Structure formats: structure tokens, C-alpha cells
Amino acid sequence: MTTSARVVPLTAAHADEVIAIYQAGIDEGNATFETRAPSWEQFDAAKMPGHRFAAVDASGRVLGWVAATKVSDRCAYAGVVEHSVYVHPDARGRGVASALLRALVDSTEAAGIWTIQSGIFPENTASLAAHERAGFRIIGTRERIGRHRGRWRDTILVERRSPSIS
């Protein structure tokens, strides 16, 4: 199934919906180690301005978002980012994540970023499938990498390497 959503730069105008979608993913338990969504101010300060997008429907309602952060301030890692992508529960299965990942790939390619990476819980099979469709590959499993809700959790490390930036 495909979506008619438009992908636009993520701005403060989307703040409340973005944070609510983030919290919904947290509440479901297979999206992140975080236990509560950050404030908009924290989110805004942490995410790279040129690499964050919202998918919106015809009425302007946010269906999902994607955003990247620097992996390191060391210059050797200037072309490596980590990203998150979240889709509103009511908008899943409609191609929203794929559209958002395409926008992120396009913006990072244009900026000379050669690697996009993320850690995904193995139970989050929909996210793993969306990333595979977007050209990400599985690097490996980070076993018992962190405790979440009282138990050790694994993550699957995925990355997309630019085919044109060397």
C-alpha cells in the first residue's frame, strides 16, 4: 500500500505531533531504549536541521518523522549519522517510513554523508523491513546491549553506505 503523504522539512510547527508520535513508539516498547519522549527543545537541539523530515497528510496532520544526529564530533566521523524514524500507529503500512527514509537518504547524499546507521530491536520487524527496502543492510546483532524495562535487549545494527560518496 502507498501513501499520499507529502514529506516536508520537520519544523517547530510539527512539535506536538512529533513528540506524541515519539511517545507512542516508546509506549509500545520496541522502538527505543528511551522511557519518555524529550521536550521539543531537547529534540530540536539534538537533531541535525538539514536531515529531519515530517510526512504529512492533505490536512497537514503529521503521519511520521525521521531525524538524524551526529555519531561523533570527531572529524573522522563527519560523514556518519544515526537516525530514527517513527510512524503514527494509524498510518503504518502505508509507505510512510519508506517515504521518510527516501527523504533522509536524499538529504544525506546531497550533504556528503556516507553512512546512515541505526540500532533496531529485533522484534521491530516492520522497521527492519522498511530499512531493507530503503537499501540498508544488517551489520550484526549487538547482544544484550542495554537494559530496557527490566530486561536485557539486543539491537540489530543497520547501515546504508552511500554508493557515490567515497
N, C-alpha and C. Protein backbone atom coordinates (compact mmCIF):
# COMPACT_ATOMS: atom_id res chain seq x y z
N MET A 1 0.84 -1.17 0.00
CA MET A 1 0.00 0.00 0.00
C MET A 1 0.89 1.24 0.00
N THR A 2 0.48 2.27 -0.67
CA THR A 2 1.27 3.50 -0.72
C THR A 2 0.51 4.64 -0.05
N THR A 3 1.24 5.67 0.25
CA THR A 3 0.65 6.82 0.92
C THR A 3 0.64 8.02 0.00
N SER A 4 -0.28 8.92 0.25
CA SER A 4 -0.31 10.18 -0.48
C SER A 4 0.31 11.29 0.37
N ALA A 5 1.03 10.89 1.38
CA ALA A 5 1.65 11.88 2.27
C ALA A 5 2.72 12.68 1.54
N ARG A 6 2.85 13.93 1.95
CA ARG A 6 3.94 14.78 1.47
C ARG A 6 5.02 14.76 2.54
N VAL A 7 6.27 14.74 2.10
CA VAL A 7 7.39 14.82 3.03
C VAL A 7 7.90 16.25 2.99
N VAL A 8 7.96 16.86 4.17
CA VAL A 8 8.36 18.26 4.29
C VAL A 8 9.43 18.38 5.38
N PRO A 9 10.20 19.47 5.37
CA PRO A 9 11.15 19.67 6.47
C PRO A 9 10.40 19.70 7.80
N LEU A 10 10.95 19.04 8.80
CA LEU A 10 10.35 18.99 10.12
C LEU A 10 10.70 20.29 10.85
N THR A 11 9.69 20.99 11.32
CA THR A 11 9.88 22.28 11.98
C THR A 11 9.16 22.31 13.32
N ALA A 12 9.31 23.40 14.04
CA ALA A 12 8.64 23.58 15.32
C ALA A 12 7.12 23.51 15.17
N ALA A 13 6.59 23.82 14.01
CA ALA A 13 5.15 23.72 13.79
C ALA A 13 4.64 22.29 13.96
N HIS A 14 5.53 21.31 13.81
CA HIS A 14 5.17 19.90 13.93
C HIS A 14 5.43 19.35 15.33
N ALA A 15 5.95 20.18 16.22
CA ALA A 15 6.49 19.72 17.50
C ALA A 15 5.55 18.82 18.30
N ASP A 16 4.35 19.27 18.55
CA ASP A 16 3.45 18.50 19.42
C ASP A 16 3.15 17.12 18.83
N GLU A 17 2.90 17.06 17.53
CA GLU A 17 2.58 15.78 16.91
C GLU A 17 3.81 14.87 16.85
N VAL A 18 4.97 15.44 16.57
CA VAL A 18 6.21 14.65 16.52
C VAL A 18 6.49 14.03 17.88
N ILE A 19 6.39 14.82 18.94
CA ILE A 19 6.66 14.31 20.28
C ILE A 19 5.61 13.27 20.67
N ALA A 20 4.36 13.46 20.29
CA ALA A 20 3.31 12.47 20.60
C ALA A 20 3.57 11.16 19.86
N ILE A 21 4.00 11.22 18.61
CA ILE A 21 4.32 10.00 17.84
C ILE A 21 5.52 9.31 18.47
N TYR A 22 6.51 10.08 18.88
CA TYR A 22 7.68 9.53 19.56
C TYR A 22 7.23 8.79 20.83
N GLN A 23 6.38 9.42 21.64
CA GLN A 23 5.92 8.80 22.88
C GLN A 23 5.11 7.54 22.59
N ALA A 24 4.31 7.54 21.54
CA ALA A 24 3.55 6.34 21.19
C ALA A 24 4.49 5.18 20.88
N GLY A 25 5.58 5.45 20.17
CA GLY A 25 6.57 4.41 19.89
C GLY A 25 7.24 3.92 21.15
N ILE A 26 7.55 4.84 22.06
CA ILE A 26 8.14 4.47 23.35
C ILE A 26 7.19 3.57 24.12
N ASP A 27 5.92 3.96 24.16
CA ASP A 27 4.92 3.22 24.93
C ASP A 27 4.73 1.80 24.41
N GLU A 28 4.89 1.59 23.11
CA GLU A 28 4.73 0.26 22.53
C GLU A 28 5.85 -0.69 22.95
N GLY A 29 7.03 -0.15 23.25
CA GLY A 29 8.09 -0.95 23.84
C GLY A 29 9.14 -1.53 22.91
N ASN A 30 9.03 -1.37 21.60
CA ASN A 30 10.02 -1.94 20.69
C ASN A 30 10.62 -0.93 19.74
N ALA A 31 10.66 0.33 20.17
CA ALA A 31 11.20 1.37 19.29
C ALA A 31 12.51 1.97 19.79
N THR A 32 12.70 2.03 21.10
CA THR A 32 13.85 2.75 21.65
C THR A 32 14.08 2.34 23.09
N PHE A 33 15.28 2.60 23.57
CA PHE A 33 15.58 2.42 24.98
C PHE A 33 15.03 3.57 25.82
N GLU A 34 14.68 4.67 25.19
CA GLU A 34 14.14 5.82 25.92
C GLU A 34 12.87 5.41 26.65
N THR A 35 12.60 6.06 27.77
CA THR A 35 11.39 5.76 28.53
C THR A 35 10.37 6.89 28.47
N ARG A 36 10.81 8.05 27.98
CA ARG A 36 9.88 9.16 27.78
C ARG A 36 10.45 10.07 26.70
N ALA A 37 9.55 10.59 25.91
CA ALA A 37 9.96 11.48 24.82
C ALA A 37 10.58 12.75 25.38
N PRO A 38 11.54 13.31 24.67
CA PRO A 38 12.14 14.56 25.13
C PRO A 38 11.19 15.73 24.92
N SER A 39 11.53 16.85 25.50
CA SER A 39 10.80 18.08 25.18
C SER A 39 11.14 18.46 23.74
N TRP A 40 10.35 19.34 23.17
CA TRP A 40 10.67 19.81 21.83
C TRP A 40 12.04 20.49 21.82
N GLU A 41 12.34 21.24 22.84
CA GLU A 41 13.62 21.95 22.90
C GLU A 41 14.79 20.96 22.89
N GLN A 42 14.68 19.87 23.63
CA GLN A 42 15.73 18.85 23.63
C GLN A 42 15.82 18.17 22.27
N PHE A 43 14.68 17.82 21.70
CA PHE A 43 14.63 17.18 20.40
C PHE A 43 15.28 18.08 19.35
N ASP A 44 14.86 19.33 19.33
CA ASP A 44 15.34 20.30 18.35
C ASP A 44 16.85 20.49 18.44
N ALA A 45 17.38 20.54 19.66
CA ALA A 45 18.81 20.75 19.86
C ALA A 45 19.62 19.54 19.42
N ALA A 46 19.05 18.35 19.51
CA ALA A 46 19.80 17.12 19.23
C ALA A 46 19.78 16.71 17.76
N LYS A 47 18.78 17.11 17.01
CA LYS A 47 18.61 16.63 15.64
C LYS A 47 19.22 17.62 14.64
N MET A 48 19.85 17.06 13.61
CA MET A 48 20.50 17.89 12.58
C MET A 48 19.44 18.59 11.73
N PRO A 49 19.48 19.91 11.65
CA PRO A 49 18.42 20.65 10.95
C PRO A 49 18.21 20.23 9.48
N GLY A 50 19.23 19.93 8.76
CA GLY A 50 19.05 19.59 7.34
C GLY A 50 18.64 18.16 7.08
N HIS A 51 18.48 17.38 8.14
CA HIS A 51 18.22 15.95 7.98
C HIS A 51 17.10 15.48 8.90
N ARG A 52 16.01 16.25 8.88
CA ARG A 52 14.82 15.86 9.64
C ARG A 52 13.60 16.26 8.83
N PHE A 53 12.68 15.30 8.74
CA PHE A 53 11.52 15.47 7.87
C PHE A 53 10.27 14.93 8.55
N ALA A 54 9.14 15.49 8.17
CA ALA A 54 7.83 15.00 8.61
C ALA A 54 7.05 14.57 7.38
N ALA A 55 6.30 13.51 7.51
CA ALA A 55 5.33 13.11 6.49
C ALA A 55 3.99 13.63 6.97
N VAL A 56 3.32 14.40 6.12
CA VAL A 56 2.04 14.99 6.49
C VAL A 56 0.97 14.60 5.48
N ASP A 57 -0.27 14.49 5.96
CA ASP A 57 -1.38 14.19 5.05
C ASP A 57 -1.92 15.49 4.46
N ALA A 58 -2.98 15.39 3.69
CA ALA A 58 -3.53 16.56 2.99
C ALA A 58 -3.97 17.66 3.94
N SER A 59 -4.36 17.29 5.17
CA SER A 59 -4.80 18.29 6.14
C SER A 59 -3.64 18.87 6.94
N GLY A 60 -2.42 18.35 6.72
CA GLY A 60 -1.26 18.82 7.45
C GLY A 60 -0.95 18.01 8.70
N ARG A 61 -1.75 16.98 8.97
CA ARG A 61 -1.51 16.12 10.14
C ARG A 61 -0.23 15.31 9.94
N VAL A 62 0.61 15.25 10.97
CA VAL A 62 1.86 14.52 10.90
C VAL A 62 1.58 13.02 11.00
N LEU A 63 2.07 12.27 10.01
CA LEU A 63 1.92 10.82 9.98
C LEU A 63 3.17 10.11 10.47
N GLY A 64 4.30 10.80 10.42
CA GLY A 64 5.55 10.20 10.87
C GLY A 64 6.67 11.19 10.71
N TRP A 65 7.84 10.80 11.23
CA TRP A 65 9.00 11.69 11.14
C TRP A 65 10.28 10.86 11.09
N VAL A 66 11.32 11.49 10.56
CA VAL A 66 12.66 10.91 10.55
C VAL A 66 13.63 12.04 10.90
N ALA A 67 14.68 11.71 11.64
CA ALA A 67 15.67 12.71 12.01
C ALA A 67 17.01 12.02 12.25
N ALA A 68 18.07 12.77 12.01
CA ALA A 68 19.42 12.24 12.17
C ALA A 68 20.18 13.05 13.21
N THR A 69 21.13 12.38 13.84
CA THR A 69 22.05 13.01 14.78
C THR A 69 23.47 12.63 14.39
N LYS A 70 24.42 13.46 14.77
CA LYS A 70 25.82 13.12 14.55
C LYS A 70 26.18 11.91 15.41
N VAL A 71 27.02 11.05 14.88
CA VAL A 71 27.52 9.92 15.66
C VAL A 71 28.64 10.39 16.59
N SER A 72 29.43 11.34 16.11
CA SER A 72 30.58 11.82 16.88
C SER A 72 30.95 13.20 16.39
N ASP A 73 31.59 13.96 17.24
CA ASP A 73 32.14 15.26 16.84
C ASP A 73 33.53 15.12 16.23
N ARG A 74 34.12 13.93 16.29
CA ARG A 74 35.45 13.72 15.71
C ARG A 74 35.35 13.83 14.19
N CYS A 75 36.28 14.53 13.58
CA CYS A 75 36.20 14.81 12.14
C CYS A 75 36.23 13.54 11.30
N ALA A 76 36.82 12.47 11.79
CA ALA A 76 36.84 11.22 11.02
C ALA A 76 35.44 10.67 10.79
N TYR A 77 34.51 11.04 11.67
CA TYR A 77 33.13 10.55 11.57
C TYR A 77 32.17 11.60 11.03
N ALA A 78 32.68 12.62 10.37
CA ALA A 78 31.84 13.70 9.87
C ALA A 78 30.76 13.23 8.91
N GLY A 79 30.99 12.13 8.25
CA GLY A 79 30.04 11.61 7.27
C GLY A 79 29.22 10.45 7.77
N VAL A 80 29.10 10.32 9.09
CA VAL A 80 28.33 9.22 9.68
C VAL A 80 27.27 9.80 10.60
N VAL A 81 26.01 9.39 10.37
CA VAL A 81 24.91 9.84 11.22
C VAL A 81 24.11 8.63 11.68
N GLU A 82 23.42 8.82 12.78
CA GLU A 82 22.47 7.84 13.28
C GLU A 82 21.08 8.46 13.13
N HIS A 83 20.11 7.64 12.81
CA HIS A 83 18.78 8.19 12.59
C HIS A 83 17.72 7.42 13.35
N SER A 84 16.56 8.05 13.45
CA SER A 84 15.35 7.44 13.99
C SER A 84 14.23 7.75 13.02
N VAL A 85 13.32 6.79 12.88
CA VAL A 85 12.12 7.01 12.07
C VAL A 85 10.94 6.44 12.85
N TYR A 86 9.90 7.25 12.97
CA TYR A 86 8.70 6.87 13.71
C TYR A 86 7.48 7.16 12.85
N VAL A 87 6.49 6.26 12.91
CA VAL A 87 5.25 6.43 12.16
C VAL A 87 4.09 6.32 13.14
N HIS A 88 3.12 7.21 13.00
CA HIS A 88 1.92 7.17 13.83
C HIS A 88 1.27 5.80 13.68
N PRO A 89 0.79 5.20 14.77
CA PRO A 89 0.18 3.87 14.67
C PRO A 89 -0.92 3.77 13.61
N ASP A 90 -1.70 4.81 13.42
CA ASP A 90 -2.79 4.78 12.44
C ASP A 90 -2.30 4.90 11.00
N ALA A 91 -1.04 5.25 10.80
CA ALA A 91 -0.51 5.47 9.44
C ALA A 91 0.43 4.35 8.99
N ARG A 92 0.59 3.33 9.79
CA ARG A 92 1.52 2.26 9.44
C ARG A 92 1.00 1.42 8.29
N GLY A 93 1.95 0.85 7.53
CA GLY A 93 1.59 0.00 6.40
C GLY A 93 1.18 0.77 5.16
N ARG A 94 1.44 2.06 5.14
CA ARG A 94 1.03 2.91 4.01
C ARG A 94 2.22 3.54 3.29
N GLY A 95 3.44 3.09 3.59
CA GLY A 95 4.61 3.61 2.90
C GLY A 95 5.19 4.87 3.49
N VAL A 96 4.73 5.26 4.67
CA VAL A 96 5.22 6.49 5.29
C VAL A 96 6.70 6.37 5.64
N ALA A 97 7.09 5.28 6.28
CA ALA A 97 8.50 5.10 6.65
C ALA A 97 9.38 5.10 5.41
N SER A 98 8.94 4.45 4.36
CA SER A 98 9.74 4.41 3.13
C SER A 98 9.93 5.81 2.54
N ALA A 99 8.87 6.59 2.53
CA ALA A 99 8.96 7.96 2.01
C ALA A 99 9.92 8.80 2.87
N LEU A 100 9.84 8.64 4.17
CA LEU A 100 10.72 9.39 5.06
C LEU A 100 12.17 8.96 4.89
N LEU A 101 12.42 7.66 4.78
CA LEU A 101 13.79 7.19 4.59
C LEU A 101 14.36 7.67 3.26
N ARG A 102 13.53 7.73 2.21
CA ARG A 102 13.99 8.27 0.92
C ARG A 102 14.42 9.72 1.07
N ALA A 103 13.64 10.50 1.80
CA ALA A 103 14.00 11.91 2.01
C ALA A 103 15.31 12.03 2.78
N LEU A 104 15.49 11.18 3.78
CA LEU A 104 16.73 11.21 4.56
C LEU A 104 17.92 10.82 3.69
N VAL A 105 17.77 9.78 2.91
CA VAL A 105 18.86 9.36 2.02
C VAL A 105 19.21 10.49 1.05
N ASP A 106 18.21 11.11 0.47
CA ASP A 106 18.46 12.21 -0.47
C ASP A 106 19.21 13.37 0.20
N SER A 107 18.78 13.74 1.41
CA SER A 107 19.42 14.88 2.08
C SER A 107 20.85 14.55 2.50
N THR A 108 21.07 13.33 2.96
CA THR A 108 22.42 12.97 3.39
C THR A 108 23.36 12.82 2.20
N GLU A 109 22.86 12.26 1.11
CA GLU A 109 23.69 12.16 -0.10
C GLU A 109 24.11 13.56 -0.56
N ALA A 110 23.18 14.49 -0.57
CA ALA A 110 23.47 15.85 -1.01
C ALA A 110 24.48 16.53 -0.09
N ALA A 111 24.52 16.12 1.17
CA ALA A 111 25.43 16.74 2.14
C ALA A 111 26.77 16.03 2.26
N GLY A 112 26.97 14.97 1.48
CA GLY A 112 28.24 14.26 1.54
C GLY A 112 28.37 13.28 2.69
N ILE A 113 27.25 12.91 3.27
CA ILE A 113 27.25 11.92 4.36
C ILE A 113 27.29 10.54 3.74
N TRP A 114 28.25 9.72 4.17
CA TRP A 114 28.45 8.42 3.53
C TRP A 114 27.83 7.25 4.27
N THR A 115 27.47 7.43 5.53
CA THR A 115 26.86 6.32 6.27
C THR A 115 25.71 6.81 7.13
N ILE A 116 24.58 6.13 7.01
CA ILE A 116 23.43 6.33 7.90
C ILE A 116 23.28 5.02 8.66
N GLN A 117 23.19 5.09 9.98
CA GLN A 117 23.07 3.87 10.75
C GLN A 117 21.96 3.99 11.78
N SER A 118 21.55 2.84 12.31
CA SER A 118 20.56 2.81 13.38
C SER A 118 20.61 1.47 14.07
N GLY A 119 20.18 1.45 15.32
CA GLY A 119 20.00 0.21 16.06
C GLY A 119 18.51 -0.04 16.21
N ILE A 120 18.07 -1.23 15.81
CA ILE A 120 16.64 -1.56 15.81
C ILE A 120 16.43 -2.83 16.63
N PHE A 121 15.45 -2.81 17.51
CA PHE A 121 15.13 -4.01 18.26
C PHE A 121 14.71 -5.11 17.27
N PRO A 122 15.17 -6.35 17.47
CA PRO A 122 14.83 -7.43 16.53
C PRO A 122 13.33 -7.68 16.42
N GLU A 123 12.59 -7.36 17.46
CA GLU A 123 11.14 -7.55 17.44
C GLU A 123 10.43 -6.55 16.51
N ASN A 124 11.12 -5.48 16.16
CA ASN A 124 10.52 -4.45 15.32
C ASN A 124 10.71 -4.83 13.84
N THR A 125 10.03 -5.87 13.45
CA THR A 125 10.20 -6.43 12.10
C THR A 125 9.74 -5.47 11.00
N ALA A 126 8.74 -4.65 11.28
CA ALA A 126 8.29 -3.68 10.27
C ALA A 126 9.39 -2.66 9.97
N SER A 127 10.08 -2.21 11.01
CA SER A 127 11.18 -1.25 10.79
C SER A 127 12.33 -1.91 10.04
N LEU A 128 12.66 -3.12 10.42
CA LEU A 128 13.74 -3.83 9.71
C LEU A 128 13.40 -3.98 8.23
N ALA A 129 12.16 -4.32 7.92
CA ALA A 129 11.75 -4.49 6.52
C ALA A 129 11.79 -3.16 5.77
N ALA A 130 11.34 -2.08 6.41
CA ALA A 130 11.37 -0.76 5.76
C ALA A 130 12.80 -0.34 5.47
N HIS A 131 13.69 -0.60 6.39
CA HIS A 131 15.09 -0.25 6.17
C HIS A 131 15.72 -1.10 5.06
N GLU A 132 15.38 -2.36 5.01
CA GLU A 132 15.90 -3.20 3.93
C GLU A 132 15.43 -2.68 2.57
N ARG A 133 14.15 -2.31 2.48
CA ARG A 133 13.63 -1.76 1.22
C ARG A 133 14.33 -0.46 0.84
N ALA A 134 14.81 0.29 1.84
CA ALA A 134 15.47 1.58 1.59
C ALA A 134 16.97 1.42 1.34
N GLY A 135 17.45 0.19 1.25
CA GLY A 135 18.85 -0.03 0.92
C GLY A 135 19.78 -0.18 2.10
N PHE A 136 19.24 -0.34 3.29
CA PHE A 136 20.07 -0.59 4.47
C PHE A 136 20.40 -2.07 4.54
N ARG A 137 21.54 -2.38 5.13
CA ARG A 137 21.91 -3.78 5.33
C ARG A 137 22.15 -4.02 6.81
N ILE A 138 21.96 -5.25 7.21
CA ILE A 138 22.22 -5.62 8.60
C ILE A 138 23.71 -5.85 8.76
N ILE A 139 24.29 -5.17 9.73
CA ILE A 139 25.70 -5.33 10.06
C ILE A 139 25.87 -6.46 11.07
N GLY A 140 24.98 -6.53 12.02
CA GLY A 140 25.05 -7.59 13.03
C GLY A 140 24.14 -7.30 14.20
N THR A 141 24.18 -8.20 15.16
CA THR A 141 23.38 -8.07 16.37
C THR A 141 24.27 -7.64 17.51
N ARG A 142 23.84 -6.62 18.20
CA ARG A 142 24.52 -6.19 19.42
C ARG A 142 23.74 -6.84 20.57
N GLU A 143 24.29 -7.92 21.09
CA GLU A 143 23.60 -8.71 22.09
C GLU A 143 23.66 -8.06 23.46
N ARG A 144 22.49 -8.07 24.11
CA ARG A 144 22.40 -7.55 25.48
C ARG A 144 23.10 -6.19 25.60
N ILE A 145 22.81 -5.31 24.67
CA ILE A 145 23.49 -4.02 24.61
C ILE A 145 22.98 -3.04 25.67
N GLY A 146 21.74 -3.25 26.12
CA GLY A 146 21.20 -2.35 27.14
C GLY A 146 20.01 -2.96 27.84
N ARG A 147 19.73 -2.44 29.03
CA ARG A 147 18.56 -2.89 29.79
C ARG A 147 17.40 -1.97 29.47
N HIS A 148 16.25 -2.59 29.28
CA HIS A 148 15.04 -1.86 28.92
C HIS A 148 13.87 -2.52 29.63
N ARG A 149 13.19 -1.76 30.46
CA ARG A 149 12.04 -2.27 31.21
C ARG A 149 12.39 -3.53 31.99
N GLY A 150 13.56 -3.50 32.58
CA GLY A 150 13.97 -4.58 33.47
C GLY A 150 14.58 -5.80 32.82
N ARG A 151 14.82 -5.75 31.52
CA ARG A 151 15.45 -6.91 30.87
C ARG A 151 16.47 -6.46 29.84
N TRP A 152 17.43 -7.32 29.59
CA TRP A 152 18.45 -7.06 28.58
C TRP A 152 17.82 -7.15 27.20
N ARG A 153 18.23 -6.23 26.32
CA ARG A 153 17.70 -6.21 24.95
C ARG A 153 18.84 -6.21 23.96
N ASP A 154 18.62 -6.88 22.84
CA ASP A 154 19.53 -6.85 21.70
C ASP A 154 19.08 -5.75 20.76
N THR A 155 19.99 -5.28 19.92
CA THR A 155 19.61 -4.44 18.79
C THR A 155 20.29 -4.97 17.55
N ILE A 156 19.65 -4.75 16.43
CA ILE A 156 20.21 -5.08 15.13
C ILE A 156 20.79 -3.78 14.57
N LEU A 157 22.08 -3.78 14.29
CA LEU A 157 22.73 -2.61 13.73
C LEU A 157 22.56 -2.64 12.22
N VAL A 158 21.93 -1.61 11.68
CA VAL A 158 21.74 -1.49 10.23
C VAL A 158 22.47 -0.25 9.74
N GLU A 159 22.90 -0.30 8.49
CA GLU A 159 23.53 0.88 7.91
C GLU A 159 23.25 0.93 6.42
N ARG A 160 23.30 2.14 5.91
CA ARG A 160 23.26 2.38 4.47
C ARG A 160 24.52 3.15 4.13
N ARG A 161 25.32 2.57 3.27
CA ARG A 161 26.54 3.23 2.80
C ARG A 161 26.23 3.84 1.45
N SER A 162 26.64 5.07 1.27
CA SER A 162 26.43 5.75 0.00
C SER A 162 27.20 5.06 -1.10
N PRO A 163 26.55 4.78 -2.21
CA PRO A 163 27.28 4.19 -3.34
C PRO A 163 28.09 5.22 -4.12
N SER A 164 27.86 6.51 -3.85
CA SER A 164 28.53 7.53 -4.65
C SER A 164 29.55 8.36 -3.88
N ILE A 165 29.56 8.29 -2.57
CA ILE A 165 30.50 9.08 -1.78
C ILE A 165 31.61 8.16 -1.32
N SER A 166 32.82 8.51 -1.68
CA SER A 166 33.95 7.65 -1.30
C SER A 166 35.01 8.43 -0.56
